[in-house]
Amino acid sequence: MRLLAFRNPGDPSGTTLRVGRADGAGLADDTVVEIEHPAASDVGALLAVPGWQEVAAAADGPRHRLGDLELAPLVPRPSKVVCVGLNYRGHILEMGRDLPTHPTLFAKFPATLTGPHDDIPLPPEDSALDWEGELAVVVGERCRRVSEADAHRVIAGYTVANDISMRSWQFRTKEWLQGKAWEATTPVGPALVTADEWQPGPNVHTRVNGEEMQSAGTGDLLFGPAALVSYVSTMTTLEPGDLLLTGTPGGVGRAMTPPRYLGAGDVVEVEIDGLGLVRNRVVAEELER
């Protein structure tokens, strides 16, 4: 099953969302059926509804053409967005580093998230804007200290993310937060594909203006989704709709010689086979006066 969030076509402000089930493989002509439930204001809220799978499968609300919808972040207000660095075996080894024994974690704020086709602002404070295509795990059940063997039962499914990084700010200190949490810079989507229909293994691809920059199998993760859910839930309770971004493979702009970064007008795409595509244009941010 494919679940998505879209901006209410009847609300010019674009602030209210609808949740839908996409019947198809994510193509523009697919039909999206609205899931009409009083608690389902976004996909995260839907996941908190008891028996959400049955609610979504039985939905029979208004129908839309997928290509006509303005997609929103799947979960605009998760309680947590936890990200992982250095998590692809091949990339770690090619960099001459030892494989870490524990995940390297950092967090983002909900305001960092944006839609799968929304513009990404290029801020005047940092021109070193870098791409990081990633697989994202969507938590589907409240859990604490879940074992790795049982973690599969609390994973609702998977989606695509681009962990856009402001490199100049990121490396001002040894902590990464200030380069990772810029507002409206992390596209997530286009849909949540439930875990019964998709599992890690297929490739993640990142393209800039059509040129492929990253390509790696999501099965090459050092710490896979179950291990990450278990590890993070040991220290904090995970809630339905929480996001875990699993890390990026080699091919980021900062590692190139010379480094290459995104500029105004560039189009960056992240696609994962079977999950879909986020496609975003970089636009110079205009400051309010």
C-alpha atoms as a PDB file:
ATOM      1  CA  MET A   1       0.000   0.000   0.000  1.00  0.00           C
ATOM      2  CA  ARG A   2       1.141   3.538  -0.842  1.00  0.00           C
ATOM      3  CA  LEU A   3       0.059   6.384   1.452  1.00  0.00           C
ATOM      4  CA  LEU A   4       0.660  10.064   0.780  1.00  0.00           C
ATOM      5  CA  ALA A   5      -0.223  13.531   2.042  1.00  0.00           C
ATOM      6  CA  PHE A   6      -1.371  16.328  -0.233  1.00  0.00           C
ATOM      7  CA  ARG A   7      -2.397  19.926   0.204  1.00  0.00           C
ATOM      8  CA  ASN A   8      -6.129  20.461   0.203  1.00  0.00           C
ATOM      9  CA  PRO A   9      -7.062  21.616  -3.322  1.00  0.00           C
ATOM     10  CA  GLY A  10      -9.864  23.704  -1.803  1.00  0.00           C
ATOM     11  CA  ASP A  11      -7.587  25.673   0.537  1.00  0.00           C
ATOM     12  CA  PRO A  12      -5.666  28.448  -1.278  1.00  0.00           C
ATOM     13  CA  SER A  13      -3.374  28.874   1.738  1.00  0.00           C
ATOM     14  CA  GLY A  14      -2.079  25.307   1.353  1.00  0.00           C
ATOM     15  CA  THR A  15      -2.027  24.844   5.124  1.00  0.00           C
ATOM     16  CA  THR A  16      -4.556  22.032   5.433  1.00  0.00           C
ATOM     17  CA  LEU A  17      -3.670  18.541   4.304  1.00  0.00           C
ATOM     18  CA  ARG A  18      -5.463  15.470   3.095  1.00  0.00           C
ATOM     19  CA  VAL A  19      -4.295  11.860   3.285  1.00  0.00           C
ATOM     20  CA  GLY A  20      -4.705   9.412   0.456  1.00  0.00           C
ATOM     21  CA  ARG A  21      -4.064   5.882  -0.727  1.00  0.00           C
ATOM     22  CA  ALA A  22      -2.421   5.749  -4.129  1.00  0.00           C
ATOM     23  CA  ASP A  23      -3.716   2.833  -6.168  1.00  0.00           C
ATOM     24  CA  GLY A  24      -0.829   2.137  -8.514  1.00  0.00           C
ATOM     25  CA  ALA A  25       2.943   2.358  -8.756  1.00  0.00           C
ATOM     26  CA  GLY A  26       3.251   6.115  -8.205  1.00  0.00           C
ATOM     27  CA  LEU A  27       2.687   7.309 -11.789  1.00  0.00           C
ATOM     28  CA  ALA A  28       0.997  10.601 -12.615  1.00  0.00           C
ATOM     29  CA  ASP A  29      -2.174   8.919 -13.855  1.00  0.00           C
ATOM     30  CA  ASP A  30      -2.617   6.807 -10.732  1.00  0.00           C
ATOM     31  CA  THR A  31      -5.781   7.286  -8.694  1.00  0.00           C
ATOM     32  CA  VAL A  32      -5.493   8.649  -5.171  1.00  0.00           C
ATOM     33  CA  VAL A  33      -8.378   7.794  -2.851  1.00  0.00           C
ATOM     34  CA  GLU A  34      -8.869  10.163   0.082  1.00  0.00           C
ATOM     35  CA  ILE A  35      -8.834   8.522   3.499  1.00  0.00           C
ATOM     36  CA  GLU A  36     -11.665  10.234   5.335  1.00  0.00           C
ATOM     37  CA  HIS A  37     -11.076   9.701   9.039  1.00  0.00           C
ATOM     38  CA  PRO A  38     -11.476  12.417  11.696  1.00  0.00           C
ATOM     39  CA  ALA A  39      -8.018  11.711  13.148  1.00  0.00           C
ATOM     40  CA  ALA A  40      -6.149  11.368   9.843  1.00  0.00           C
ATOM     41  CA  SER A  41      -4.927  14.932   9.282  1.00  0.00           C
ATOM     42  CA  ASP A  42      -1.618  13.637   7.885  1.00  0.00           C
ATOM     43  CA  VAL A  43       0.072  10.272   7.443  1.00  0.00           C
ATOM     44  CA  GLY A  44       1.628  10.393  10.921  1.00  0.00           C
ATOM     45  CA  ALA A  45      -1.774  10.995  12.480  1.00  0.00           C
ATOM     46  CA  LEU A  46      -3.234   8.141  10.431  1.00  0.00           C
ATOM     47  CA  LEU A  47      -0.550   5.778  11.733  1.00  0.00           C
ATOM     48  CA  ALA A  48      -1.676   6.553  15.296  1.00  0.00           C
ATOM     49  CA  VAL A  49      -5.214   5.320  14.509  1.00  0.00           C
ATOM     50  CA  PRO A  50      -5.775   1.758  15.787  1.00  0.00           C
ATOM     51  CA  GLY A  51      -6.055  -0.567  12.803  1.00  0.00           C
ATOM     52  CA  TRP A  52      -4.758   2.090  10.398  1.00  0.00           C
ATOM     53  CA  GLN A  53      -3.973  -0.550   7.776  1.00  0.00           C
ATOM     54  CA  GLU A  54      -7.616  -1.600   7.600  1.00  0.00           C
ATOM     55  CA  VAL A  55      -8.812   2.012   7.660  1.00  0.00           C
ATOM     56  CA  ALA A  56      -6.553   2.906   4.732  1.00  0.00           C
ATOM     57  CA  ALA A  57      -7.362  -0.216   2.729  1.00  0.00           C
ATOM     58  CA  ALA A  58     -11.116   0.292   3.120  1.00  0.00           C
ATOM     59  CA  ALA A  59     -11.052   4.021   2.265  1.00  0.00           C
ATOM     60  CA  ASP A  60     -13.563   5.034  -0.397  1.00  0.00           C
ATOM     61  CA  GLY A  61     -13.408   8.845  -0.343  1.00  0.00           C
ATOM     62  CA  PRO A  62     -13.077  11.343  -3.184  1.00  0.00           C
ATOM     63  CA  ARG A  63     -10.737  10.357  -5.980  1.00  0.00           C
ATOM     64  CA  HIS A  64      -7.974  12.415  -7.546  1.00  0.00           C
ATOM     65  CA  ARG A  65      -5.386  12.046 -10.274  1.00  0.00           C
ATOM     66  CA  LEU A  66      -1.979  11.834  -8.606  1.00  0.00           C
ATOM     67  CA  GLY A  67      -0.393  14.188 -11.134  1.00  0.00           C
ATOM     68  CA  ASP A  68      -2.922  16.907 -10.256  1.00  0.00           C
ATOM     69  CA  LEU A  69      -2.071  16.961  -6.548  1.00  0.00           C
ATOM     70  CA  GLU A  70       0.421  19.139  -4.685  1.00  0.00           C
ATOM     71  CA  LEU A  71       2.153  16.668  -2.419  1.00  0.00           C
ATOM     72  CA  ALA A  72       3.145  17.648   1.116  1.00  0.00           C
ATOM     73  CA  PRO A  73       5.637  16.133   3.561  1.00  0.00           C
ATOM     74  CA  LEU A  74       4.297  12.740   4.606  1.00  0.00           C
ATOM     75  CA  VAL A  75       4.557  13.650   8.266  1.00  0.00           C
ATOM     76  CA  PRO A  76       4.773  17.431   8.740  1.00  0.00           C
ATOM     77  CA  ARG A  77       5.054  17.305  12.547  1.00  0.00           C
ATOM     78  CA  PRO A  78       6.764  14.093  13.693  1.00  0.00           C
ATOM     79  CA  SER A  79       7.819  14.009  17.326  1.00  0.00           C
ATOM     80  CA  LYS A  80      11.305  13.014  16.175  1.00  0.00           C
ATOM     81  CA  VAL A  81      13.462  13.097  13.054  1.00  0.00           C
ATOM     82  CA  VAL A  82      16.597  11.050  13.763  1.00  0.00           C
ATOM     83  CA  CYS A  83      19.348  10.817  11.158  1.00  0.00           C
ATOM     84  CA  VAL A  84      22.361   8.556  10.741  1.00  0.00           C
ATOM     85  CA  GLY A  85      25.803   9.407   9.398  1.00  0.00           C
ATOM     86  CA  LEU A  86      28.426   7.008   7.991  1.00  0.00           C
ATOM     87  CA  ASN A  87      26.109   4.068   7.377  1.00  0.00           C
ATOM     88  CA  TYR A  88      27.022   2.593   3.961  1.00  0.00           C
ATOM     89  CA  ARG A  89      29.711  -0.096   4.192  1.00  0.00           C
ATOM     90  CA  GLY A  90      31.155   0.578   0.752  1.00  0.00           C
ATOM     91  CA  HIS A  91      31.395   4.310   1.336  1.00  0.00           C
ATOM     92  CA  ILE A  92      33.030   3.907   4.749  1.00  0.00           C
ATOM     93  CA  LEU A  93      35.619   1.457   3.444  1.00  0.00           C
ATOM     94  CA  GLU A  94      36.424   3.489   0.322  1.00  0.00           C
ATOM     95  CA  MET A  95      37.140   6.437   2.600  1.00  0.00           C
ATOM     96  CA  GLY A  96      39.670   4.304   4.486  1.00  0.00           C
ATOM     97  CA  ARG A  97      37.755   4.405   7.746  1.00  0.00           C
ATOM     98  CA  ASP A  98      37.013   1.610  10.190  1.00  0.00           C
ATOM     99  CA  LEU A  99      33.430   0.419  10.373  1.00  0.00           C
ATOM    100  CA  PRO A 100      31.783   2.080  13.399  1.00  0.00           C
ATOM    101  CA  THR A 101      30.474  -0.122  16.190  1.00  0.00           C
ATOM    102  CA  HIS A 102      27.505   2.169  16.937  1.00  0.00           C
ATOM    103  CA  PRO A 103      25.352   4.430  14.748  1.00  0.00           C
ATOM    104  CA  THR A 104      26.362   8.084  14.463  1.00  0.00           C
ATOM    105  CA  LEU A 105      23.156   9.987  15.202  1.00  0.00           C
ATOM    106  CA  PHE A 106      21.967  13.542  14.853  1.00  0.00           C
ATOM    107  CA  ALA A 107      18.502  15.115  14.852  1.00  0.00           C
ATOM    108  CA  LYS A 108      16.435  17.488  12.786  1.00  0.00           C
ATOM    109  CA  PHE A 109      13.416  19.590  13.724  1.00  0.00           C
ATOM    110  CA  PRO A 110       9.984  19.171  12.092  1.00  0.00           C
ATOM    111  CA  ALA A 111      10.378  22.613  10.482  1.00  0.00           C
ATOM    112  CA  THR A 112      13.259  21.158   8.450  1.00  0.00           C
ATOM    113  CA  LEU A 113      10.850  18.979   6.449  1.00  0.00           C
ATOM    114  CA  THR A 114       9.363  19.988   3.117  1.00  0.00           C
ATOM    115  CA  GLY A 115       7.364  18.391   0.323  1.00  0.00           C
ATOM    116  CA  PRO A 116       8.763  16.021  -2.299  1.00  0.00           C
ATOM    117  CA  HIS A 117       8.408  18.632  -5.071  1.00  0.00           C
ATOM    118  CA  ASP A 118       8.767  21.876  -3.106  1.00  0.00           C
ATOM    119  CA  ASP A 119      11.528  24.384  -3.803  1.00  0.00           C
ATOM    120  CA  ILE A 120      14.617  24.224  -1.594  1.00  0.00           C
ATOM    121  CA  PRO A 121      15.795  27.654  -0.390  1.00  0.00           C
ATOM    122  CA  LEU A 122      19.413  28.620  -0.983  1.00  0.00           C
ATOM    123  CA  PRO A 123      20.162  30.867   2.007  1.00  0.00           C
ATOM    124  CA  PRO A 124      22.438  33.888   1.785  1.00  0.00           C
ATOM    125  CA  GLU A 125      24.358  32.642   4.847  1.00  0.00           C
ATOM    126  CA  ASP A 126      25.757  29.457   3.240  1.00  0.00           C
ATOM    127  CA  SER A 127      26.413  28.734  -0.433  1.00  0.00           C
ATOM    128  CA  ALA A 128      27.804  25.228   0.215  1.00  0.00           C
ATOM    129  CA  LEU A 129      24.480  23.442  -0.275  1.00  0.00           C
ATOM    130  CA  ASP A 130      25.015  19.679  -0.658  1.00  0.00           C
ATOM    131  CA  TRP A 131      22.817  16.710  -1.558  1.00  0.00           C
ATOM    132  CA  GLU A 132      22.429  13.461   0.402  1.00  0.00           C
ATOM    133  CA  GLY A 133      19.976  10.929  -0.996  1.00  0.00           C
ATOM    134  CA  GLU A 134      18.611   8.634   1.692  1.00  0.00           C
ATOM    135  CA  LEU A 135      16.188   5.883   2.572  1.00  0.00           C
ATOM    136  CA  ALA A 136      13.830   6.929   5.382  1.00  0.00           C
ATOM    137  CA  VAL A 137      12.080   4.613   7.824  1.00  0.00           C
ATOM    138  CA  VAL A 138       8.602   5.570   9.044  1.00  0.00           C
ATOM    139  CA  VAL A 139       7.664   4.310  12.506  1.00  0.00           C
ATOM    140  CA  GLY A 140       4.148   2.921  12.750  1.00  0.00           C
ATOM    141  CA  GLU A 141       3.725   2.076  16.420  1.00  0.00           C
ATOM    142  CA  ARG A 142       4.648   3.576  19.775  1.00  0.00           C
ATOM    143  CA  CYS A 143       7.613   1.651  21.112  1.00  0.00           C
ATOM    144  CA  ARG A 144      10.401   1.737  23.677  1.00  0.00           C
ATOM    145  CA  ARG A 145      13.339  -0.662  23.981  1.00  0.00           C
ATOM    146  CA  VAL A 146      12.104  -2.841  21.129  1.00  0.00           C
ATOM    147  CA  SER A 147      14.505  -5.640  20.224  1.00  0.00           C
ATOM    148  CA  GLU A 148      16.072  -5.809  16.794  1.00  0.00           C
ATOM    149  CA  ALA A 149      14.285  -9.109  16.230  1.00  0.00           C
ATOM    150  CA  ASP A 150      10.908  -7.470  16.925  1.00  0.00           C
ATOM    151  CA  ALA A 151      11.555  -4.096  15.309  1.00  0.00           C
ATOM    152  CA  HIS A 152       9.934  -5.120  12.022  1.00  0.00           C
ATOM    153  CA  ARG A 153       6.511  -5.033  13.674  1.00  0.00           C
ATOM    154  CA  VAL A 154       6.764  -1.312  14.488  1.00  0.00           C
ATOM    155  CA  ILE A 155       8.000  -0.187  11.049  1.00  0.00           C
ATOM    156  CA  ALA A 156       5.053   1.134   9.034  1.00  0.00           C
ATOM    157  CA  GLY A 157       7.079   1.427   5.856  1.00  0.00           C
ATOM    158  CA  TYR A 158       9.645   3.391   3.897  1.00  0.00           C
ATOM    159  CA  THR A 159      10.017   6.579   1.886  1.00  0.00           C
ATOM    160  CA  VAL A 160      12.617   8.781   0.176  1.00  0.00           C
ATOM    161  CA  ALA A 161      14.475  11.753   1.680  1.00  0.00           C
ATOM    162  CA  ASN A 162      17.165  14.231   0.703  1.00  0.00           C
ATOM    163  CA  ASP A 163      19.217  15.287   3.729  1.00  0.00           C
ATOM    164  CA  ILE A 164      20.272  18.633   2.284  1.00  0.00           C
ATOM    165  CA  SER A 165      23.300  19.944   4.196  1.00  0.00           C
ATOM    166  CA  MET A 166      24.712  23.440   4.628  1.00  0.00           C
ATOM    167  CA  ARG A 167      28.365  22.385   4.668  1.00  0.00           C
ATOM    168  CA  SER A 168      29.957  25.655   5.771  1.00  0.00           C
ATOM    169  CA  TRP A 169      27.740  25.807   8.824  1.00  0.00           C
ATOM    170  CA  GLN A 170      27.912  22.045   9.433  1.00  0.00           C
ATOM    171  CA  PHE A 171      31.677  22.056   9.901  1.00  0.00           C
ATOM    172  CA  ARG A 172      31.942  25.213  11.971  1.00  0.00           C
ATOM    173  CA  THR A 173      32.134  22.834  14.956  1.00  0.00           C
ATOM    174  CA  LYS A 174      32.418  19.104  15.571  1.00  0.00           C
ATOM    175  CA  GLU A 175      28.654  18.939  16.077  1.00  0.00           C
ATOM    176  CA  TRP A 176      26.599  18.862  12.863  1.00  0.00           C
ATOM    177  CA  LEU A 177      23.237  20.239  13.967  1.00  0.00           C
ATOM    178  CA  GLN A 178      23.661  23.778  12.646  1.00  0.00           C
ATOM    179  CA  GLY A 179      24.314  22.506   9.131  1.00  0.00           C
ATOM    180  CA  LYS A 180      21.515  19.944   9.102  1.00  0.00           C
ATOM    181  CA  ALA A 181      18.471  21.705  10.515  1.00  0.00           C
ATOM    182  CA  TRP A 182      17.840  24.634   8.155  1.00  0.00           C
ATOM    183  CA  GLU A 183      14.166  25.314   7.672  1.00  0.00           C
ATOM    184  CA  ALA A 184      12.316  23.668   4.743  1.00  0.00           C
ATOM    185  CA  THR A 185      15.396  21.916   3.341  1.00  0.00           C
ATOM    186  CA  THR A 186      14.631  18.194   3.786  1.00  0.00           C
ATOM    187  CA  PRO A 187      12.177  16.874   1.199  1.00  0.00           C
ATOM    188  CA  VAL A 188      10.410  13.662   2.196  1.00  0.00           C
ATOM    189  CA  GLY A 189       8.064  11.553   0.076  1.00  0.00           C
ATOM    190  CA  PRO A 190       6.450  11.082  -2.301  1.00  0.00           C
ATOM    191  CA  ALA A 191       4.682   8.227  -0.494  1.00  0.00           C
ATOM    192  CA  LEU A 192       4.997   5.809   2.356  1.00  0.00           C
ATOM    193  CA  VAL A 193       5.230   2.299   0.897  1.00  0.00           C
ATOM    194  CA  THR A 194       4.219  -0.176   3.560  1.00  0.00           C
ATOM    195  CA  ALA A 195       6.738  -2.699   4.813  1.00  0.00           C
ATOM    196  CA  ASP A 196       4.742  -5.648   3.472  1.00  0.00           C
ATOM    197  CA  GLU A 197       5.348  -4.356  -0.065  1.00  0.00           C
ATOM    198  CA  TRP A 198       8.923  -3.045   0.075  1.00  0.00           C
ATOM    199  CA  GLN A 199      12.135  -3.965   1.905  1.00  0.00           C
ATOM    200  CA  PRO A 200      15.665  -2.468   1.693  1.00  0.00           C
ATOM    201  CA  GLY A 201      17.873  -3.670  -1.140  1.00  0.00           C
ATOM    202  CA  PRO A 202      16.945  -1.612  -4.222  1.00  0.00           C
ATOM    203  CA  ASN A 203      19.202   1.248  -5.250  1.00  0.00           C
ATOM    204  CA  VAL A 204      19.089   4.868  -4.199  1.00  0.00           C
ATOM    205  CA  HIS A 205      20.025   7.333  -6.969  1.00  0.00           C
ATOM    206  CA  THR A 206      20.771  11.050  -6.657  1.00  0.00           C
ATOM    207  CA  ARG A 207      20.880  13.239  -9.766  1.00  0.00           C
ATOM    208  CA  VAL A 208      21.721  16.924 -10.187  1.00  0.00           C
ATOM    209  CA  ASN A 209      20.385  18.465 -13.406  1.00  0.00           C
ATOM    210  CA  GLY A 210      20.049  14.925 -14.748  1.00  0.00           C
ATOM    211  CA  GLU A 211      23.638  13.870 -13.929  1.00  0.00           C
ATOM    212  CA  GLU A 212      23.867  10.915 -11.573  1.00  0.00           C
ATOM    213  CA  MET A 213      25.910  11.671  -8.451  1.00  0.00           C
ATOM    214  CA  GLN A 214      25.022   8.815  -6.130  1.00  0.00           C
ATOM    215  CA  SER A 215      24.001   5.204  -6.700  1.00  0.00           C
ATOM    216  CA  ALA A 216      24.097   2.433  -4.114  1.00  0.00           C
ATOM    217  CA  GLY A 217      22.015  -0.479  -2.920  1.00  0.00           C
ATOM    218  CA  THR A 218      20.048   0.216   0.241  1.00  0.00           C
ATOM    219  CA  GLY A 219      20.964  -3.301   1.341  1.00  0.00           C
ATOM    220  CA  ASP A 220      24.536  -2.012   1.925  1.00  0.00           C
ATOM    221  CA  LEU A 221      23.495  -0.244   5.131  1.00  0.00           C
ATOM    222  CA  LEU A 222      25.795  -1.078   8.035  1.00  0.00           C
ATOM    223  CA  PHE A 223      22.948  -0.483  10.500  1.00  0.00           C
ATOM    224  CA  GLY A 224      19.701  -1.514   8.879  1.00  0.00           C
ATOM    225  CA  PRO A 225      16.196  -0.273   9.746  1.00  0.00           C
ATOM    226  CA  ALA A 226      15.559  -2.862  12.466  1.00  0.00           C
ATOM    227  CA  ALA A 227      18.895  -2.169  14.143  1.00  0.00           C
ATOM    228  CA  LEU A 228      18.265   1.588  14.049  1.00  0.00           C
ATOM    229  CA  VAL A 229      14.742   1.315  15.448  1.00  0.00           C
ATOM    230  CA  SER A 230      16.039  -0.877  18.263  1.00  0.00           C
ATOM    231  CA  TYR A 231      18.979   1.417  19.023  1.00  0.00           C
ATOM    232  CA  VAL A 232      17.024   4.686  18.992  1.00  0.00           C
ATOM    233  CA  SER A 233      14.065   3.251  20.918  1.00  0.00           C
ATOM    234  CA  THR A 234      16.469   2.206  23.661  1.00  0.00           C
ATOM    235  CA  MET A 235      17.079   5.847  24.557  1.00  0.00           C
ATOM    236  CA  THR A 236      13.699   7.404  23.725  1.00  0.00           C
ATOM    237  CA  THR A 237      10.135   6.400  22.950  1.00  0.00           C
ATOM    238  CA  LEU A 238       9.371   6.338  19.244  1.00  0.00           C
ATOM    239  CA  GLU A 239       5.913   7.465  18.132  1.00  0.00           C
ATOM    240  CA  PRO A 240       3.824   6.745  15.025  1.00  0.00           C
ATOM    241  CA  GLY A 241       5.090   8.931  12.190  1.00  0.00           C
ATOM    242  CA  ASP A 242       8.601   9.405  13.563  1.00  0.00           C
ATOM    243  CA  LEU A 243      11.235   9.380  10.828  1.00  0.00           C
ATOM    244  CA  LEU A 244      14.647   7.706  10.795  1.00  0.00           C
ATOM    245  CA  LEU A 245      16.893   8.817   7.919  1.00  0.00           C
ATOM    246  CA  THR A 246      19.349   5.989   7.376  1.00  0.00           C
ATOM    247  CA  GLY A 247      22.378   7.789   5.912  1.00  0.00           C
ATOM    248  CA  THR A 248      23.772   8.544   2.476  1.00  0.00           C
ATOM    249  CA  PRO A 249      26.186   6.660   0.199  1.00  0.00           C
ATOM    250  CA  GLY A 250      29.289   8.047  -1.490  1.00  0.00           C
ATOM    251  CA  GLY A 251      29.014  10.750  -4.120  1.00  0.00           C
ATOM    252  CA  VAL A 252      28.210  13.873  -2.132  1.00  0.00           C
ATOM    253  CA  GLY A 253      29.431  17.191  -3.479  1.00  0.00           C
ATOM    254  CA  ARG A 254      31.751  17.982  -0.598  1.00  0.00           C
ATOM    255  CA  ALA A 255      33.855  14.879  -1.348  1.00  0.00           C
ATOM    256  CA  MET A 256      34.533  15.917  -4.958  1.00  0.00           C
ATOM    257  CA  THR A 257      37.760  17.574  -6.108  1.00  0.00           C
ATOM    258  CA  PRO A 258      37.078  20.441  -6.176  1.00  0.00           C
ATOM    259  CA  PRO A 259      33.895  20.343  -4.072  1.00  0.00           C
ATOM    260  CA  ARG A 260      30.675  20.846  -5.991  1.00  0.00           C
ATOM    261  CA  TYR A 261      27.583  22.388  -4.489  1.00  0.00           C
ATOM    262  CA  LEU A 262      24.019  23.209  -5.494  1.00  0.00           C
ATOM    263  CA  GLY A 263      23.236  26.644  -6.871  1.00  0.00           C
ATOM    264  CA  ALA A 264      20.111  28.603  -7.665  1.00  0.00           C
ATOM    265  CA  GLY A 265      18.231  26.972 -10.527  1.00  0.00           C
ATOM    266  CA  ASP A 266      19.706  23.492 -10.018  1.00  0.00           C
ATOM    267  CA  VAL A 267      17.287  20.566  -9.870  1.00  0.00           C
ATOM    268  CA  VAL A 268      18.172  17.743  -7.508  1.00  0.00           C
ATOM    269  CA  GLU A 269      16.408  14.373  -7.594  1.00  0.00           C
ATOM    270  CA  VAL A 270      16.563  11.409  -5.233  1.00  0.00           C
ATOM    271  CA  GLU A 271      14.948   8.203  -6.410  1.00  0.00           C
ATOM    272  CA  ILE A 272      14.746   4.789  -4.763  1.00  0.00           C
ATOM    273  CA  ASP A 273      13.584   1.910  -6.922  1.00  0.00           C
ATOM    274  CA  GLY A 274      10.088   0.929  -5.855  1.00  0.00           C
ATOM    275  CA  LEU A 275       9.598   3.890  -3.493  1.00  0.00           C
ATOM    276  CA  GLY A 276       9.487   6.866  -5.816  1.00  0.00           C
ATOM    277  CA  LEU A 277      11.170  10.182  -6.506  1.00  0.00           C
ATOM    278  CA  VAL A 278      11.651  13.520  -4.774  1.00  0.00           C
ATOM    279  CA  ARG A 279      12.489  16.296  -7.212  1.00  0.00           C
ATOM    280  CA  ASN A 280      13.290  19.786  -5.999  1.00  0.00           C
ATOM    281  CA  ARG A 281      14.532  23.029  -7.517  1.00  0.00           C
ATOM    282  CA  VAL A 282      16.992  25.199  -5.610  1.00  0.00           C
ATOM    283  CA  VAL A 283      15.801  28.798  -5.352  1.00  0.00           C
ATOM    284  CA  ALA A 284      17.691  31.734  -3.869  1.00  0.00           C
ATOM    285  CA  GLU A 285      16.004  32.689  -0.613  1.00  0.00           C
ATOM    286  CA  GLU A 286      14.611  36.191  -0.478  1.00  0.00           C
ATOM    287  CA  LEU A 287      14.826  37.670   2.993  1.00  0.00           C
ATOM    288  CA  GLU A 288      11.846  39.520   4.425  1.00  0.00           C
ATOM    289  CA  ARG A 289      12.397  43.236   4.826  1.00  0.00           C
END
